[in-house]
Amino acid sequence: MTQLTDTGFHFGDPAAPIKLTVFTNLACPHCAAFFTNNDLTPYFENKQLELVLKFFDKPKIGLLKGNLVHLFLDYNDQAKTNPIILELFKDQPEWKKLSDDELKNYLKEKYGFEAHPENTDYSLTIAKEAIDFNATSVPTALISINGEAPKKINQDELKKTLESVPAN
């Protein structure tokens, strides 16, 4: 059975009964809409859900800026990085207009981010997992309930599943 690693950015309670893993790219407008259309905050607060974002570097023109931003995310300081990730999704239309050099400066000046060369290893791990789970596009969401094997889920199914799990 194919397993997911813990590589990614974690939101919510790791002991929550639902684990939602999303292969995503910060430059993808559909990914930004996924978070705009699904307010997951109440499910984090009620300890019903752990969200794991796996930033998937894809060789697609519209996603290259996201691939660049992914290099600057700090996997070792998620408490600082996670709120910035949500802000980057929200501000996506603005920073996507920047040149690569302007974007690097923006990340450094606005957030104090530096490039993390080790993120290339994380990217390779995530790409392998995306292949293993046939996650050919972003966003691709996988859900695991009470430790079951992860399976793909769409937004409607996600909403129904979240509503069916009692708060802790």
N, C-alpha and C. Protein backbone atom coordinates (compact mmCIF):
# COMPACT_ATOMS: atom_id res chain seq x y z
N MET A 1 0.84 -1.19 0.00
CA MET A 1 0.00 0.00 0.00
C MET A 1 0.88 1.25 0.00
N THR A 2 0.57 2.20 -0.84
CA THR A 2 1.33 3.43 -0.93
C THR A 2 0.99 4.33 0.25
N GLN A 3 2.02 4.86 0.87
CA GLN A 3 1.85 5.74 2.04
C GLN A 3 2.31 7.15 1.70
N LEU A 4 1.78 8.10 2.41
CA LEU A 4 2.24 9.48 2.31
C LEU A 4 3.26 9.73 3.42
N THR A 5 4.28 10.52 3.13
CA THR A 5 5.23 10.92 4.17
C THR A 5 4.65 12.12 4.92
N ASP A 6 5.33 12.54 5.96
CA ASP A 6 4.91 13.74 6.70
C ASP A 6 5.41 15.02 6.04
N THR A 7 6.13 14.90 4.93
CA THR A 7 6.64 16.08 4.24
C THR A 7 5.49 16.97 3.83
N GLY A 8 5.54 18.22 4.25
CA GLY A 8 4.50 19.18 3.92
C GLY A 8 4.32 20.15 5.06
N PHE A 9 3.35 21.04 4.90
CA PHE A 9 3.04 22.04 5.92
C PHE A 9 1.75 21.62 6.60
N HIS A 10 1.82 21.48 7.93
CA HIS A 10 0.73 20.91 8.72
C HIS A 10 -0.07 21.99 9.43
N PHE A 11 -1.39 21.90 9.30
CA PHE A 11 -2.32 22.79 9.98
C PHE A 11 -3.28 21.92 10.78
N GLY A 12 -3.64 22.34 11.97
CA GLY A 12 -4.60 21.59 12.76
C GLY A 12 -3.93 20.54 13.63
N ASP A 13 -4.76 19.68 14.23
CA ASP A 13 -4.33 18.69 15.20
C ASP A 13 -3.88 17.40 14.51
N PRO A 14 -2.62 16.99 14.73
CA PRO A 14 -2.15 15.75 14.12
C PRO A 14 -2.94 14.51 14.56
N ALA A 15 -3.65 14.60 15.68
CA ALA A 15 -4.44 13.46 16.17
C ALA A 15 -5.90 13.53 15.68
N ALA A 16 -6.22 14.49 14.84
CA ALA A 16 -7.60 14.63 14.34
C ALA A 16 -8.01 13.38 13.56
N PRO A 17 -9.30 13.06 13.58
CA PRO A 17 -9.76 11.86 12.88
C PRO A 17 -9.66 11.96 11.35
N ILE A 18 -9.68 13.20 10.82
CA ILE A 18 -9.59 13.38 9.37
C ILE A 18 -8.26 14.03 9.04
N LYS A 19 -7.57 13.42 8.08
CA LYS A 19 -6.33 14.01 7.58
C LYS A 19 -6.56 14.31 6.10
N LEU A 20 -6.47 15.58 5.76
CA LEU A 20 -6.64 16.03 4.39
C LEU A 20 -5.28 16.45 3.86
N THR A 21 -4.85 15.78 2.81
CA THR A 21 -3.57 16.11 2.17
C THR A 21 -3.89 16.72 0.82
N VAL A 22 -3.31 17.89 0.56
CA VAL A 22 -3.59 18.57 -0.70
C VAL A 22 -2.28 18.84 -1.44
N PHE A 23 -2.17 18.27 -2.63
CA PHE A 23 -1.07 18.62 -3.54
C PHE A 23 -1.47 19.96 -4.14
N THR A 24 -0.62 20.95 -3.97
CA THR A 24 -0.99 22.31 -4.34
C THR A 24 0.21 23.06 -4.89
N ASN A 25 -0.04 24.21 -5.45
CA ASN A 25 1.02 25.09 -5.95
C ASN A 25 0.57 26.51 -5.64
N LEU A 26 1.45 27.29 -5.04
CA LEU A 26 1.07 28.64 -4.60
C LEU A 26 0.65 29.56 -5.74
N ALA A 27 1.06 29.26 -6.97
CA ALA A 27 0.69 30.12 -8.10
C ALA A 27 -0.58 29.67 -8.80
N CYS A 28 -1.18 28.58 -8.36
CA CYS A 28 -2.36 28.03 -9.01
C CYS A 28 -3.63 28.74 -8.54
N PRO A 29 -4.36 29.39 -9.45
CA PRO A 29 -5.60 30.08 -9.03
C PRO A 29 -6.66 29.11 -8.50
N HIS A 30 -6.70 27.88 -9.01
CA HIS A 30 -7.66 26.89 -8.51
C HIS A 30 -7.33 26.48 -7.08
N CYS A 31 -6.02 26.44 -6.77
CA CYS A 31 -5.60 26.10 -5.41
C CYS A 31 -5.99 27.22 -4.45
N ALA A 32 -5.77 28.47 -4.86
CA ALA A 32 -6.17 29.59 -4.02
C ALA A 32 -7.68 29.56 -3.78
N ALA A 33 -8.45 29.26 -4.83
CA ALA A 33 -9.91 29.19 -4.72
C ALA A 33 -10.32 28.05 -3.79
N PHE A 34 -9.57 26.95 -3.80
CA PHE A 34 -9.88 25.81 -2.93
C PHE A 34 -9.93 26.28 -1.47
N PHE A 35 -8.97 27.12 -1.08
CA PHE A 35 -8.92 27.59 0.31
C PHE A 35 -9.92 28.72 0.56
N THR A 36 -10.21 29.50 -0.46
CA THR A 36 -11.21 30.56 -0.34
C THR A 36 -12.60 29.94 -0.21
N ASN A 37 -12.86 28.88 -0.96
CA ASN A 37 -14.18 28.25 -0.98
C ASN A 37 -14.41 27.27 0.16
N ASN A 38 -13.36 26.88 0.85
CA ASN A 38 -13.48 25.92 1.95
C ASN A 38 -12.83 26.51 3.19
N ASP A 39 -13.63 27.12 4.07
CA ASP A 39 -13.08 27.64 5.32
C ASP A 39 -12.88 26.46 6.27
N LEU A 40 -11.65 26.07 6.43
CA LEU A 40 -11.33 24.89 7.24
C LEU A 40 -11.08 25.23 8.70
N THR A 41 -11.00 26.52 9.02
CA THR A 41 -10.67 26.97 10.37
C THR A 41 -11.53 26.32 11.46
N PRO A 42 -12.87 26.27 11.30
CA PRO A 42 -13.67 25.65 12.37
C PRO A 42 -13.30 24.19 12.61
N TYR A 43 -12.89 23.49 11.57
CA TYR A 43 -12.54 22.08 11.71
C TYR A 43 -11.20 21.91 12.42
N PHE A 44 -10.30 22.90 12.25
CA PHE A 44 -9.04 22.89 13.00
C PHE A 44 -9.34 23.14 14.48
N GLU A 45 -10.17 24.17 14.72
CA GLU A 45 -10.49 24.56 16.10
C GLU A 45 -11.19 23.44 16.85
N ASN A 46 -12.03 22.67 16.16
CA ASN A 46 -12.75 21.56 16.80
C ASN A 46 -11.97 20.26 16.82
N LYS A 47 -10.71 20.33 16.38
CA LYS A 47 -9.81 19.16 16.35
C LYS A 47 -10.36 18.01 15.51
N GLN A 48 -11.09 18.36 14.45
CA GLN A 48 -11.65 17.36 13.55
C GLN A 48 -10.72 17.08 12.37
N LEU A 49 -9.80 18.01 12.08
CA LEU A 49 -9.07 17.97 10.83
C LEU A 49 -7.62 18.37 10.99
N GLU A 50 -6.76 17.58 10.33
CA GLU A 50 -5.38 18.01 10.09
C GLU A 50 -5.24 18.17 8.58
N LEU A 51 -4.72 19.30 8.18
CA LEU A 51 -4.46 19.59 6.78
C LEU A 51 -2.97 19.55 6.54
N VAL A 52 -2.57 18.84 5.48
CA VAL A 52 -1.16 18.80 5.09
C VAL A 52 -1.07 19.32 3.66
N LEU A 53 -0.38 20.45 3.51
CA LEU A 53 -0.17 21.01 2.17
C LEU A 53 1.16 20.51 1.64
N LYS A 54 1.10 19.91 0.47
CA LYS A 54 2.30 19.41 -0.21
C LYS A 54 2.50 20.27 -1.46
N PHE A 55 3.51 21.12 -1.41
CA PHE A 55 3.75 22.04 -2.52
C PHE A 55 4.42 21.31 -3.66
N PHE A 56 3.67 21.20 -4.73
CA PHE A 56 4.02 20.39 -5.90
C PHE A 56 4.59 21.32 -6.97
N ASP A 57 5.89 21.16 -7.24
CA ASP A 57 6.55 21.94 -8.30
C ASP A 57 6.21 21.29 -9.63
N LYS A 58 5.51 22.05 -10.45
CA LYS A 58 5.09 21.52 -11.75
C LYS A 58 5.71 22.35 -12.87
N PRO A 59 6.17 21.68 -13.93
CA PRO A 59 6.78 22.39 -15.06
C PRO A 59 5.73 22.96 -16.01
N LYS A 60 4.91 23.84 -15.48
CA LYS A 60 3.85 24.46 -16.27
C LYS A 60 4.04 25.97 -16.17
N ILE A 61 4.00 26.66 -17.29
CA ILE A 61 4.29 28.10 -17.32
C ILE A 61 3.56 28.87 -16.22
N GLY A 62 2.26 28.64 -16.05
CA GLY A 62 1.48 29.39 -15.08
C GLY A 62 1.82 29.08 -13.63
N LEU A 63 2.60 28.02 -13.39
CA LEU A 63 2.92 27.62 -12.02
C LEU A 63 4.38 27.86 -11.64
N LEU A 64 5.18 28.35 -12.57
CA LEU A 64 6.62 28.51 -12.31
C LEU A 64 6.90 29.48 -11.16
N LYS A 65 6.10 30.53 -11.04
CA LYS A 65 6.29 31.48 -9.92
C LYS A 65 6.04 30.76 -8.59
N GLY A 66 5.05 29.88 -8.58
CA GLY A 66 4.80 29.10 -7.37
C GLY A 66 5.98 28.21 -7.03
N ASN A 67 6.56 27.57 -8.04
CA ASN A 67 7.75 26.73 -7.81
C ASN A 67 8.86 27.55 -7.16
N LEU A 68 9.02 28.79 -7.61
CA LEU A 68 10.05 29.67 -7.04
C LEU A 68 9.73 29.99 -5.58
N VAL A 69 8.49 30.33 -5.29
CA VAL A 69 8.10 30.64 -3.91
C VAL A 69 8.31 29.42 -3.01
N HIS A 70 8.00 28.23 -3.51
CA HIS A 70 8.16 27.01 -2.71
C HIS A 70 9.58 26.86 -2.19
N LEU A 71 10.56 27.33 -2.97
CA LEU A 71 11.96 27.24 -2.58
C LEU A 71 12.26 28.07 -1.33
N PHE A 72 11.41 29.06 -1.05
CA PHE A 72 11.64 29.99 0.07
C PHE A 72 10.86 29.60 1.33
N LEU A 73 9.98 28.63 1.25
CA LEU A 73 9.18 28.24 2.42
C LEU A 73 10.05 27.49 3.42
N ASP A 74 9.87 27.81 4.70
CA ASP A 74 10.71 27.22 5.75
C ASP A 74 9.98 26.04 6.40
N TYR A 75 10.35 24.84 5.98
CA TYR A 75 9.75 23.62 6.53
C TYR A 75 10.07 23.46 8.01
N ASN A 76 11.15 24.08 8.48
CA ASN A 76 11.57 23.93 9.88
C ASN A 76 10.96 24.97 10.81
N ASP A 77 10.23 25.94 10.28
CA ASP A 77 9.56 26.94 11.11
C ASP A 77 8.13 27.13 10.60
N GLN A 78 7.34 26.09 10.77
CA GLN A 78 5.97 26.13 10.25
C GLN A 78 5.09 27.10 11.02
N ALA A 79 5.37 27.33 12.29
CA ALA A 79 4.57 28.29 13.06
C ALA A 79 4.65 29.68 12.40
N LYS A 80 5.81 30.04 11.90
CA LYS A 80 5.97 31.33 11.22
C LYS A 80 5.45 31.24 9.78
N THR A 81 5.72 30.15 9.10
CA THR A 81 5.47 30.03 7.67
C THR A 81 4.00 29.80 7.33
N ASN A 82 3.28 29.02 8.12
CA ASN A 82 1.90 28.66 7.77
C ASN A 82 0.98 29.86 7.55
N PRO A 83 0.97 30.86 8.45
CA PRO A 83 0.09 32.01 8.17
C PRO A 83 0.49 32.76 6.89
N ILE A 84 1.78 32.77 6.60
CA ILE A 84 2.27 33.44 5.39
C ILE A 84 1.80 32.69 4.15
N ILE A 85 1.77 31.36 4.22
CA ILE A 85 1.28 30.56 3.09
C ILE A 85 -0.14 30.99 2.74
N LEU A 86 -0.99 31.12 3.76
CA LEU A 86 -2.38 31.52 3.52
C LEU A 86 -2.46 32.92 2.93
N GLU A 87 -1.57 33.80 3.39
CA GLU A 87 -1.51 35.17 2.85
C GLU A 87 -1.05 35.15 1.39
N LEU A 88 -0.08 34.29 1.08
CA LEU A 88 0.42 34.20 -0.30
C LEU A 88 -0.67 33.71 -1.25
N PHE A 89 -1.51 32.77 -0.81
CA PHE A 89 -2.64 32.36 -1.64
C PHE A 89 -3.57 33.55 -1.88
N LYS A 90 -3.84 34.31 -0.82
CA LYS A 90 -4.77 35.44 -0.92
C LYS A 90 -4.21 36.53 -1.84
N ASP A 91 -2.91 36.80 -1.74
CA ASP A 91 -2.27 37.89 -2.50
C ASP A 91 -1.69 37.42 -3.83
N GLN A 92 -2.02 36.22 -4.24
CA GLN A 92 -1.46 35.61 -5.44
C GLN A 92 -1.50 36.53 -6.68
N PRO A 93 -2.63 37.19 -6.98
CA PRO A 93 -2.65 38.02 -8.20
C PRO A 93 -1.59 39.12 -8.21
N GLU A 94 -1.25 39.64 -7.03
CA GLU A 94 -0.25 40.72 -6.97
C GLU A 94 1.16 40.18 -7.22
N TRP A 95 1.57 39.17 -6.44
CA TRP A 95 2.97 38.74 -6.56
C TRP A 95 3.26 37.96 -7.84
N LYS A 96 2.23 37.39 -8.45
CA LYS A 96 2.46 36.65 -9.70
C LYS A 96 2.88 37.58 -10.84
N LYS A 97 2.59 38.88 -10.70
CA LYS A 97 2.96 39.86 -11.74
C LYS A 97 4.45 40.23 -11.67
N LEU A 98 5.10 39.91 -10.56
CA LEU A 98 6.50 40.31 -10.37
C LEU A 98 7.44 39.45 -11.22
N SER A 99 8.58 40.04 -11.58
CA SER A 99 9.63 39.24 -12.23
C SER A 99 10.22 38.31 -11.18
N ASP A 100 10.99 37.33 -11.60
CA ASP A 100 11.58 36.39 -10.65
C ASP A 100 12.44 37.12 -9.61
N ASP A 101 13.28 38.06 -10.07
CA ASP A 101 14.13 38.81 -9.13
C ASP A 101 13.29 39.67 -8.19
N GLU A 102 12.25 40.31 -8.71
CA GLU A 102 11.35 41.11 -7.86
C GLU A 102 10.65 40.21 -6.84
N LEU A 103 10.26 39.02 -7.25
CA LEU A 103 9.58 38.09 -6.35
C LEU A 103 10.52 37.65 -5.23
N LYS A 104 11.76 37.34 -5.56
CA LYS A 104 12.73 36.96 -4.53
C LYS A 104 12.90 38.09 -3.51
N ASN A 105 13.02 39.34 -4.01
CA ASN A 105 13.15 40.49 -3.12
C ASN A 105 11.90 40.69 -2.27
N TYR A 106 10.74 40.52 -2.88
CA TYR A 106 9.46 40.63 -2.18
C TYR A 106 9.40 39.64 -1.01
N LEU A 107 9.76 38.39 -1.27
CA LEU A 107 9.72 37.36 -0.22
C LEU A 107 10.70 37.67 0.90
N LYS A 108 11.85 38.22 0.52
CA LYS A 108 12.87 38.55 1.52
C LYS A 108 12.46 39.77 2.34
N GLU A 109 12.01 40.83 1.64
CA GLU A 109 11.69 42.08 2.34
C GLU A 109 10.39 42.00 3.12
N LYS A 110 9.35 41.40 2.54
CA LYS A 110 8.05 41.36 3.22
C LYS A 110 7.99 40.31 4.32
N TYR A 111 8.63 39.15 4.10
CA TYR A 111 8.49 38.04 5.04
C TYR A 111 9.79 37.60 5.71
N GLY A 112 10.91 38.15 5.28
CA GLY A 112 12.20 37.73 5.83
C GLY A 112 12.61 36.34 5.36
N PHE A 113 12.05 35.91 4.24
CA PHE A 113 12.35 34.57 3.70
C PHE A 113 13.70 34.56 2.97
N GLU A 114 14.37 33.46 3.10
CA GLU A 114 15.59 33.17 2.35
C GLU A 114 15.35 31.87 1.59
N ALA A 115 16.10 31.67 0.52
CA ALA A 115 15.99 30.41 -0.22
C ALA A 115 16.50 29.27 0.65
N HIS A 116 15.84 28.12 0.55
CA HIS A 116 16.23 26.91 1.28
C HIS A 116 16.55 25.83 0.26
N PRO A 117 17.84 25.67 -0.07
CA PRO A 117 18.22 24.67 -1.08
C PRO A 117 17.73 23.26 -0.75
N GLU A 118 17.59 22.95 0.55
CA GLU A 118 17.11 21.61 0.94
C GLU A 118 15.66 21.37 0.51
N ASN A 119 14.93 22.43 0.16
CA ASN A 119 13.55 22.26 -0.30
C ASN A 119 13.48 21.45 -1.59
N THR A 120 14.57 21.40 -2.34
CA THR A 120 14.60 20.58 -3.55
C THR A 120 14.37 19.12 -3.19
N ASP A 121 14.95 18.67 -2.07
CA ASP A 121 14.71 17.29 -1.62
C ASP A 121 13.25 17.07 -1.27
N TYR A 122 12.64 18.04 -0.58
CA TYR A 122 11.21 17.94 -0.25
C TYR A 122 10.38 17.88 -1.53
N SER A 123 10.77 18.71 -2.50
CA SER A 123 10.05 18.75 -3.77
C SER A 123 10.08 17.39 -4.47
N LEU A 124 11.23 16.74 -4.44
CA LEU A 124 11.35 15.42 -5.07
C LEU A 124 10.50 14.38 -4.35
N THR A 125 10.47 14.44 -3.03
CA THR A 125 9.62 13.53 -2.24
C THR A 125 8.15 13.72 -2.61
N ILE A 126 7.73 14.98 -2.69
CA ILE A 126 6.34 15.31 -3.00
C ILE A 126 6.00 14.89 -4.43
N ALA A 127 6.92 15.12 -5.36
CA ALA A 127 6.67 14.70 -6.75
C ALA A 127 6.48 13.19 -6.84
N LYS A 128 7.27 12.43 -6.10
CA LYS A 128 7.12 10.97 -6.10
C LYS A 128 5.76 10.58 -5.54
N GLU A 129 5.35 11.22 -4.46
CA GLU A 129 4.04 10.92 -3.88
C GLU A 129 2.91 11.28 -4.85
N ALA A 130 3.06 12.40 -5.54
CA ALA A 130 2.05 12.81 -6.52
C ALA A 130 1.92 11.74 -7.60
N ILE A 131 3.04 11.22 -8.04
CA ILE A 131 3.02 10.14 -9.05
C ILE A 131 2.35 8.90 -8.48
N ASP A 132 2.73 8.53 -7.25
CA ASP A 132 2.17 7.34 -6.60
C ASP A 132 0.65 7.42 -6.46
N PHE A 133 0.13 8.63 -6.22
CA PHE A 133 -1.31 8.81 -6.01
C PHE A 133 -2.02 9.39 -7.24
N ASN A 134 -1.31 9.38 -8.38
CA ASN A 134 -1.88 9.87 -9.63
C ASN A 134 -2.46 11.28 -9.49
N ALA A 135 -1.73 12.13 -8.77
CA ALA A 135 -2.11 13.53 -8.60
C ALA A 135 -1.48 14.32 -9.74
N THR A 136 -2.16 14.32 -10.88
CA THR A 136 -1.60 14.93 -12.07
C THR A 136 -1.85 16.43 -12.15
N SER A 137 -2.81 16.91 -11.37
CA SER A 137 -3.12 18.34 -11.40
C SER A 137 -3.19 18.87 -9.97
N VAL A 138 -3.15 20.19 -9.87
CA VAL A 138 -3.31 20.84 -8.57
C VAL A 138 -4.56 21.70 -8.62
N PRO A 139 -5.33 21.74 -7.55
CA PRO A 139 -5.17 20.95 -6.34
C PRO A 139 -5.70 19.53 -6.51
N THR A 140 -5.02 18.60 -5.90
CA THR A 140 -5.53 17.23 -5.76
C THR A 140 -5.59 16.96 -4.27
N ALA A 141 -6.78 16.61 -3.79
CA ALA A 141 -6.99 16.38 -2.36
C ALA A 141 -7.14 14.89 -2.10
N LEU A 142 -6.48 14.44 -1.03
CA LEU A 142 -6.57 13.06 -0.56
C LEU A 142 -7.08 13.11 0.87
N ILE A 143 -7.97 12.22 1.20
CA ILE A 143 -8.51 12.19 2.56
C ILE A 143 -8.26 10.84 3.19
N SER A 144 -7.96 10.88 4.47
CA SER A 144 -7.80 9.67 5.27
C SER A 144 -8.62 9.86 6.54
N ILE A 145 -9.52 8.92 6.79
CA ILE A 145 -10.36 9.00 7.98
C ILE A 145 -9.95 7.89 8.93
N ASN A 146 -9.62 8.31 10.15
CA ASN A 146 -9.20 7.37 11.20
C ASN A 146 -8.09 6.43 10.73
N GLY A 147 -7.11 6.98 10.04
CA GLY A 147 -5.94 6.21 9.64
C GLY A 147 -6.11 5.31 8.43
N GLU A 148 -7.26 5.39 7.76
CA GLU A 148 -7.45 4.58 6.54
C GLU A 148 -6.49 5.04 5.46
N ALA A 149 -6.34 4.23 4.43
CA ALA A 149 -5.50 4.62 3.29
C ALA A 149 -6.09 5.88 2.65
N PRO A 150 -5.24 6.82 2.27
CA PRO A 150 -5.72 8.05 1.64
C PRO A 150 -6.38 7.77 0.29
N LYS A 151 -7.45 8.50 0.01
CA LYS A 151 -8.10 8.38 -1.29
C LYS A 151 -8.48 9.78 -1.78
N LYS A 152 -8.55 9.91 -3.10
CA LYS A 152 -8.89 11.20 -3.70
C LYS A 152 -10.31 11.60 -3.31
N ILE A 153 -10.50 12.91 -3.19
CA ILE A 153 -11.81 13.44 -2.81
C ILE A 153 -12.01 14.78 -3.52
N ASN A 154 -13.23 15.05 -3.95
CA ASN A 154 -13.51 16.36 -4.56
C ASN A 154 -14.09 17.30 -3.51
N GLN A 155 -14.34 18.55 -3.89
CA GLN A 155 -14.76 19.55 -2.91
C GLN A 155 -16.13 19.23 -2.31
N ASP A 156 -17.05 18.74 -3.10
CA ASP A 156 -18.38 18.40 -2.57
C ASP A 156 -18.29 17.26 -1.56
N GLU A 157 -17.51 16.22 -1.90
CA GLU A 157 -17.33 15.09 -0.99
C GLU A 157 -16.65 15.54 0.30
N LEU A 158 -15.67 16.46 0.16
CA LEU A 158 -14.95 16.97 1.32
C LEU A 158 -15.92 17.67 2.28
N LYS A 159 -16.74 18.54 1.73
CA LYS A 159 -17.70 19.28 2.56
C LYS A 159 -18.62 18.31 3.32
N LYS A 160 -19.15 17.31 2.64
CA LYS A 160 -20.04 16.32 3.27
C LYS A 160 -19.29 15.54 4.36
N THR A 161 -18.07 15.16 4.06
CA THR A 161 -17.28 14.38 5.03
C THR A 161 -17.00 15.21 6.28
N LEU A 162 -16.58 16.46 6.09
CA LEU A 162 -16.29 17.31 7.24
C LEU A 162 -17.53 17.53 8.11
N GLU A 163 -18.66 17.71 7.46
CA GLU A 163 -19.90 17.96 8.21
C GLU A 163 -20.36 16.71 8.96
N SER A 164 -19.91 15.53 8.54
CA SER A 164 -20.36 14.29 9.17
C SER A 164 -19.54 13.88 10.39
N VAL A 165 -18.40 14.53 10.60
CA VAL A 165 -17.53 14.15 11.72
C VAL A 165 -17.84 15.02 12.93
N PRO A 166 -18.13 14.42 14.08
CA PRO A 166 -18.46 15.21 15.25
C PRO A 166 -17.24 15.97 15.78
N ALA A 167 -17.49 17.13 16.37
CA ALA A 167 -16.42 17.92 16.97
C ALA A 167 -15.94 17.23 18.24
N ASN A 168 -14.66 17.39 18.54
CA ASN A 168 -14.10 16.81 19.78
C ASN A 168 -14.28 17.76 20.94
